[in-house]
């Protein structure tokens, strides 16, 4: 007998796997085991009578039938989440001031904020981008309700971790690593990635020079594409036209990047609290660190 309805939880798992690219990351985002989400995919495929994912050791690929299901699944989840939030928070309104690093704001954050805006149309979002240390200083000065910051995994643990991924070296081509001193494209001081890259090169005994400094992500990427130097980026933020490099090319390994969410204790408005919950729910990978 053909099915008449689809399980929302199974669709959410399928969409998360498609977005994450593999079962390991999807399991971390959903806070479940790989065996659990594998079983959920199997149940969804059995319900549909079609294979929607092809699996191998490294990645999963969405099949042609899966692409059709994926488009509808995103619409179903969006409407489901909007209905639930509208009913639970029908009168939520106000202004939320959010500070965030520029690279994160231009990649992972737009879809998250768009979903929140659709659910809470009477809440105005004021988003400002800046370097992490500047964001912290401005946050302490009362300019923001919430801030997303880059933090050191082994340093002082501020806020709730909502994102973690490897940091890599990126360049126009692999021949860039042969230049000495190594030309670097960096953000101005203070910048977590700048500090991280210089410390790693010093520890490895590699000579370097600052070839180009840019206050914007677009400017830095343009400089790297032009062959002016090597830069450091989170792996998922490396444009396809750049080459990812690491220890295989003689460059030192870098600690993972972490993004944490900070909110002022006891003074945050209800809209800001809801946005904080939404960001954590949408982005969190693995266990949150307080």
Protein backbone atom coordinates (compact mmCIF):
# COMPACT_ATOMS: atom_id res chain seq x y z
CA UNK A 1 0.00 0.00 0.00
CA UNK A 2 1.52 3.37 -0.96
CA UNK A 3 2.42 5.75 1.88
CA UNK A 4 0.21 8.80 2.48
CA UNK A 5 2.62 10.90 4.56
CA UNK A 6 6.35 11.27 5.29
CA UNK A 7 8.02 11.41 8.70
CA UNK A 8 9.36 14.94 9.34
CA UNK A 9 12.23 13.57 11.44
CA UNK A 10 13.38 11.30 8.60
CA UNK A 11 13.28 14.20 6.13
CA UNK A 12 15.33 16.38 8.50
CA UNK A 13 17.97 13.66 8.76
CA UNK A 14 18.09 13.28 4.97
CA UNK A 15 18.51 17.04 4.41
CA UNK A 16 21.23 17.24 7.08
CA UNK A 17 23.19 14.39 5.45
CA UNK A 18 22.88 16.02 2.03
CA UNK A 19 24.15 19.34 3.41
CA UNK A 20 26.94 17.83 5.55
CA UNK A 21 28.27 15.58 2.78
CA UNK A 22 28.79 12.54 4.99
CA UNK A 23 27.18 10.58 7.83
CA UNK A 24 29.79 11.56 10.43
CA UNK A 25 29.14 15.30 10.21
CA UNK A 26 25.40 14.77 9.94
CA UNK A 27 25.42 12.66 13.10
CA UNK A 28 27.35 15.39 14.94
CA UNK A 29 24.93 18.11 13.81
CA UNK A 30 21.89 16.06 14.82
CA UNK A 31 23.39 14.80 18.08
CA UNK A 32 22.80 11.18 17.09
CA UNK A 33 24.90 8.12 16.29
CA UNK A 34 25.80 7.18 12.73
CA UNK A 35 23.92 3.92 13.10
CA UNK A 36 20.76 5.82 14.06
CA UNK A 37 20.83 8.14 11.06
CA UNK A 38 21.72 5.22 8.76
CA UNK A 39 18.61 3.45 9.99
CA UNK A 40 16.54 6.59 9.43
CA UNK A 41 17.75 6.84 5.82
CA UNK A 42 16.88 3.18 5.29
CA UNK A 43 13.38 3.76 6.66
CA UNK A 44 12.89 6.78 4.38
CA UNK A 45 14.10 4.86 1.34
CA UNK A 46 11.80 1.96 2.17
CA UNK A 47 8.86 4.34 2.57
CA UNK A 48 9.59 5.97 -0.80
CA UNK A 49 10.55 2.78 -2.57
CA UNK A 50 13.59 4.59 -4.05
CA UNK A 51 17.30 4.92 -3.27
CA UNK A 52 17.97 8.54 -2.37
CA UNK A 53 21.62 8.31 -1.27
CA UNK A 54 24.68 6.52 -2.64
CA UNK A 55 27.32 5.88 0.01
CA UNK A 56 31.08 5.31 -0.01
CA UNK A 57 33.83 5.51 2.60
CA UNK A 58 34.41 9.28 2.19
CA UNK A 59 31.16 10.91 1.08
CA UNK A 60 27.55 10.33 0.22
CA UNK A 61 25.94 11.41 -3.05
CA UNK A 62 22.30 12.29 -3.54
CA UNK A 63 20.76 10.22 -6.35
CA UNK A 64 18.54 11.66 -9.09
CA UNK A 65 15.46 10.53 -7.17
CA UNK A 66 17.03 11.93 -4.03
CA UNK A 67 17.45 15.38 -5.60
CA UNK A 68 13.71 15.48 -6.27
CA UNK A 69 12.94 14.47 -2.70
CA UNK A 70 15.51 16.94 -1.34
CA UNK A 71 13.85 19.96 -2.89
CA UNK A 72 10.46 19.06 -1.47
CA UNK A 73 11.97 18.06 1.89
CA UNK A 74 13.48 21.53 2.33
CA UNK A 75 10.09 23.13 1.65
CA UNK A 76 8.31 20.76 4.05
CA UNK A 77 10.81 21.40 6.84
CA UNK A 78 10.68 25.16 6.33
CA UNK A 79 6.89 25.22 6.51
CA UNK A 80 6.84 22.84 9.47
CA UNK A 81 9.32 24.97 11.44
CA UNK A 82 7.51 28.19 10.56
CA UNK A 83 4.15 26.82 11.70
CA UNK A 84 5.54 25.59 15.01
CA UNK A 85 7.33 28.87 15.71
CA UNK A 86 4.43 31.08 14.64
CA UNK A 87 2.06 29.27 16.98
CA UNK A 88 4.51 29.24 19.88
CA UNK A 89 5.71 32.84 19.40
CA UNK A 90 2.88 34.67 17.60
CA UNK A 91 3.72 38.14 18.94
CA UNK A 92 7.51 38.06 19.10
CA UNK A 93 8.89 41.42 17.95
CA UNK A 94 11.77 43.80 18.59
CA UNK A 95 15.36 44.46 17.51
CA UNK A 96 18.27 42.04 17.84
CA UNK A 97 21.83 43.32 17.35
CA UNK A 98 24.17 40.53 16.24
CA UNK A 99 27.94 40.78 15.76
CA UNK A 100 29.78 38.17 13.68
CA UNK A 101 33.05 37.57 11.81
CA UNK A 102 32.70 38.50 8.14
CA UNK A 103 33.71 35.13 6.68
CA UNK A 104 31.13 33.29 8.78
CA UNK A 105 28.48 35.91 8.01
CA UNK A 106 28.91 35.46 4.26
CA UNK A 107 28.88 31.66 4.19
CA UNK A 108 27.07 29.67 6.87
CA UNK A 109 24.97 32.39 8.51
CA UNK A 110 22.69 33.81 5.76
CA UNK A 111 20.43 30.76 5.48
CA UNK A 112 20.14 30.55 9.27
CA UNK A 113 19.11 34.19 9.63
CA UNK A 114 16.74 33.96 6.66
CA UNK A 115 14.91 31.06 8.28
CA UNK A 116 14.60 33.01 11.55
CA UNK A 117 13.31 36.10 9.70
CA UNK A 118 10.63 34.07 7.92
CA UNK A 119 9.50 32.59 11.23
CA UNK A 120 9.59 35.88 13.13
CA UNK A 121 8.80 38.62 10.58
CA UNK A 122 8.27 41.28 13.27
CA UNK A 123 11.81 40.91 14.64
CA UNK A 124 14.35 43.27 13.03
CA UNK A 125 17.91 41.95 12.69
CA UNK A 126 20.87 44.32 12.78
CA UNK A 127 24.01 42.38 11.79
CA UNK A 128 27.52 43.86 12.05
CA UNK A 129 30.75 42.18 10.91
CA UNK A 130 34.16 42.74 12.48
CA UNK A 131 37.24 40.94 13.77
CA UNK A 132 36.69 38.74 16.82
CA UNK A 133 38.65 40.85 19.34
CA UNK A 134 36.85 43.97 18.14
CA UNK A 135 33.50 42.20 18.42
CA UNK A 136 34.27 41.21 22.01
CA UNK A 137 35.29 44.75 22.92
CA UNK A 138 32.13 46.20 21.35
CA UNK A 139 29.99 43.52 22.99
CA UNK A 140 31.40 44.40 26.39
CA UNK A 141 30.58 48.04 25.57
CA UNK A 142 26.91 47.12 25.08
CA UNK A 143 26.76 47.44 21.27
CA UNK A 144 25.43 43.90 20.68
CA UNK A 145 22.86 41.54 22.16
CA UNK A 146 24.65 38.50 20.75
CA UNK A 147 28.06 37.90 19.19
CA UNK A 148 29.54 35.02 17.25
CA UNK A 149 33.30 34.85 17.82
CA UNK A 150 36.26 32.77 16.71
CA UNK A 151 37.93 31.14 19.67
CA UNK A 152 40.96 28.97 20.35
CA UNK A 153 39.94 25.32 21.03
CA UNK A 154 42.52 25.03 23.81
CA UNK A 155 42.15 28.54 25.16
CA UNK A 156 39.59 30.12 27.48
CA UNK A 157 36.22 28.63 26.53
CA UNK A 158 33.88 31.55 26.01
CA UNK A 159 30.26 31.01 25.03
CA UNK A 160 28.56 28.03 23.40
CA UNK A 161 30.31 26.33 20.50
CA UNK A 162 28.09 26.31 17.42
CA UNK A 163 30.60 25.42 14.68
CA UNK A 164 33.87 23.58 14.29
CA UNK A 165 35.83 22.64 11.19
CA UNK A 166 39.46 22.25 10.08
CA UNK A 167 41.57 25.26 9.18
CA UNK A 168 43.62 24.85 6.00
CA UNK A 169 46.12 26.75 3.90
CA UNK A 170 44.79 27.97 0.53
CA UNK A 171 46.57 29.38 -2.52
CA UNK A 172 46.24 29.90 -6.25
CA UNK A 173 48.49 26.87 -6.89
CA UNK A 174 50.73 24.49 -4.98
CA UNK A 175 53.92 26.18 -6.22
CA UNK A 176 53.23 29.06 -3.80
CA UNK A 177 54.62 26.96 -0.91
CA UNK A 178 58.06 26.88 -2.54
CA UNK A 179 58.53 30.63 -2.14
CA UNK A 180 60.71 31.81 0.72
CA UNK A 181 59.95 33.74 2.70
CA UNK A 182 56.39 32.42 2.32
CA UNK A 183 54.11 35.27 1.16
CA UNK A 184 50.97 35.56 3.27
CA UNK A 185 47.58 37.16 2.71
CA UNK A 186 46.09 38.01 6.11
CA UNK A 187 43.58 40.16 7.93
CA UNK A 188 44.89 43.07 10.00
CA UNK A 189 45.71 42.69 13.68
CA UNK A 190 43.86 41.58 15.78
CA UNK A 191 42.82 38.42 13.88
CA UNK A 192 42.62 34.86 15.24
CA UNK A 193 43.61 33.28 11.91
CA UNK A 194 46.53 35.69 11.45
CA UNK A 195 47.87 34.85 14.92
CA UNK A 196 47.28 31.13 14.34
CA UNK A 197 49.11 31.03 11.00
CA UNK A 198 52.13 33.08 12.12
CA UNK A 199 52.54 31.02 15.30
CA UNK A 200 52.36 27.76 13.34
CA UNK A 201 54.95 28.91 10.80
CA UNK A 202 57.29 30.15 13.54
CA UNK A 203 56.97 26.83 15.40
CA UNK A 204 57.81 24.96 12.18
CA UNK A 205 60.83 27.19 11.53
CA UNK A 206 59.46 28.48 8.21
CA UNK A 207 60.30 32.02 7.08
CA UNK A 208 57.33 34.19 6.09
CA UNK A 209 56.40 37.73 5.12
CA UNK A 210 53.12 39.64 5.02
CA UNK A 211 52.49 40.19 1.31
CA UNK A 212 48.95 41.55 1.49
CA UNK A 213 46.61 42.68 4.24
CA UNK A 214 42.87 43.02 3.69
CA UNK A 215 40.04 44.00 5.99
CA UNK A 216 37.50 42.03 3.91
CA UNK A 217 37.12 38.36 2.99
CA UNK A 218 36.44 39.23 -0.66
CA UNK A 219 39.60 41.33 -0.84
CA UNK A 220 41.73 38.58 0.70
CA UNK A 221 40.38 35.93 -1.66
CA UNK A 222 40.96 38.21 -4.66
CA UNK A 223 44.57 38.68 -3.59
CA UNK A 224 45.08 34.91 -3.24
CA UNK A 225 43.47 34.29 -6.64
CA UNK A 226 45.87 36.84 -8.12
CA UNK A 227 48.81 34.84 -6.78
CA UNK A 228 49.92 37.34 -4.15
CA UNK A 229 50.24 34.79 -1.39
CA UNK A 230 48.90 31.99 0.79
CA UNK A 231 46.06 32.43 3.28
CA UNK A 232 44.31 30.47 6.01
CA UNK A 233 40.60 29.60 5.77
CA UNK A 234 38.14 27.11 7.24
CA UNK A 235 38.02 24.16 4.81
CA UNK A 236 34.37 24.67 3.84
CA UNK A 237 35.00 28.35 3.05
CA UNK A 238 37.74 27.73 0.46
CA UNK A 239 36.47 28.79 -3.01
CA UNK A 240 36.66 26.02 -5.64
CA UNK A 241 39.23 27.93 -7.71
CA UNK A 242 41.79 27.83 -4.85
CA UNK A 243 43.98 24.88 -3.84
CA UNK A 244 43.82 23.45 -0.32
CA UNK A 245 47.21 22.62 1.20
CA UNK A 246 48.63 21.25 4.44
CA UNK A 247 51.39 19.05 5.86
CA UNK A 248 51.69 17.15 2.55
CA UNK A 249 52.97 20.37 0.97
CA UNK A 250 55.30 21.11 3.88
CA UNK A 251 53.01 23.55 5.70
CA UNK A 252 52.27 23.09 9.41
CA UNK A 253 48.96 21.64 10.55
CA UNK A 254 46.51 24.11 12.07
CA UNK A 255 44.10 23.61 14.95
CA UNK A 256 40.41 23.50 14.08
CA UNK A 257 38.49 26.74 13.99
CA UNK A 258 35.66 27.15 16.46
CA UNK A 259 32.79 29.61 16.38
CA UNK A 260 31.06 30.32 19.68
CA UNK A 261 27.92 32.27 20.53
CA UNK A 262 27.98 34.69 23.47
CA UNK A 263 25.03 36.45 25.05
CA UNK A 264 24.90 38.81 27.99
CA UNK A 265 23.62 36.86 31.03
CA UNK A 266 20.27 38.02 32.40
CA UNK A 267 19.92 41.07 30.14
CA UNK A 268 19.01 39.59 26.75
CA UNK A 269 15.57 40.33 25.28
CA UNK A 270 13.14 37.57 24.36
CA UNK A 271 13.75 38.01 20.61
CA UNK A 272 17.51 37.78 21.20
CA UNK A 273 17.06 34.63 23.27
CA UNK A 274 14.97 33.06 20.51
CA UNK A 275 17.60 33.98 17.91
CA UNK A 276 20.33 32.49 20.09
CA UNK A 277 18.36 29.24 20.42
CA UNK A 278 17.76 29.20 16.67
CA UNK A 279 21.46 29.70 15.84
CA UNK A 280 22.58 26.98 18.25
CA UNK A 281 19.96 24.55 16.94
CA UNK A 282 20.80 25.26 13.30
CA UNK A 283 24.59 25.27 13.55
CA UNK A 284 25.76 23.29 16.54
CA UNK A 285 28.21 20.50 15.79
CA UNK A 286 28.88 18.04 18.58
CA UNK A 287 28.64 18.80 22.27
CA UNK A 288 28.40 22.46 23.23
CA UNK A 289 31.17 23.88 25.37
CA UNK A 290 30.21 26.31 28.09
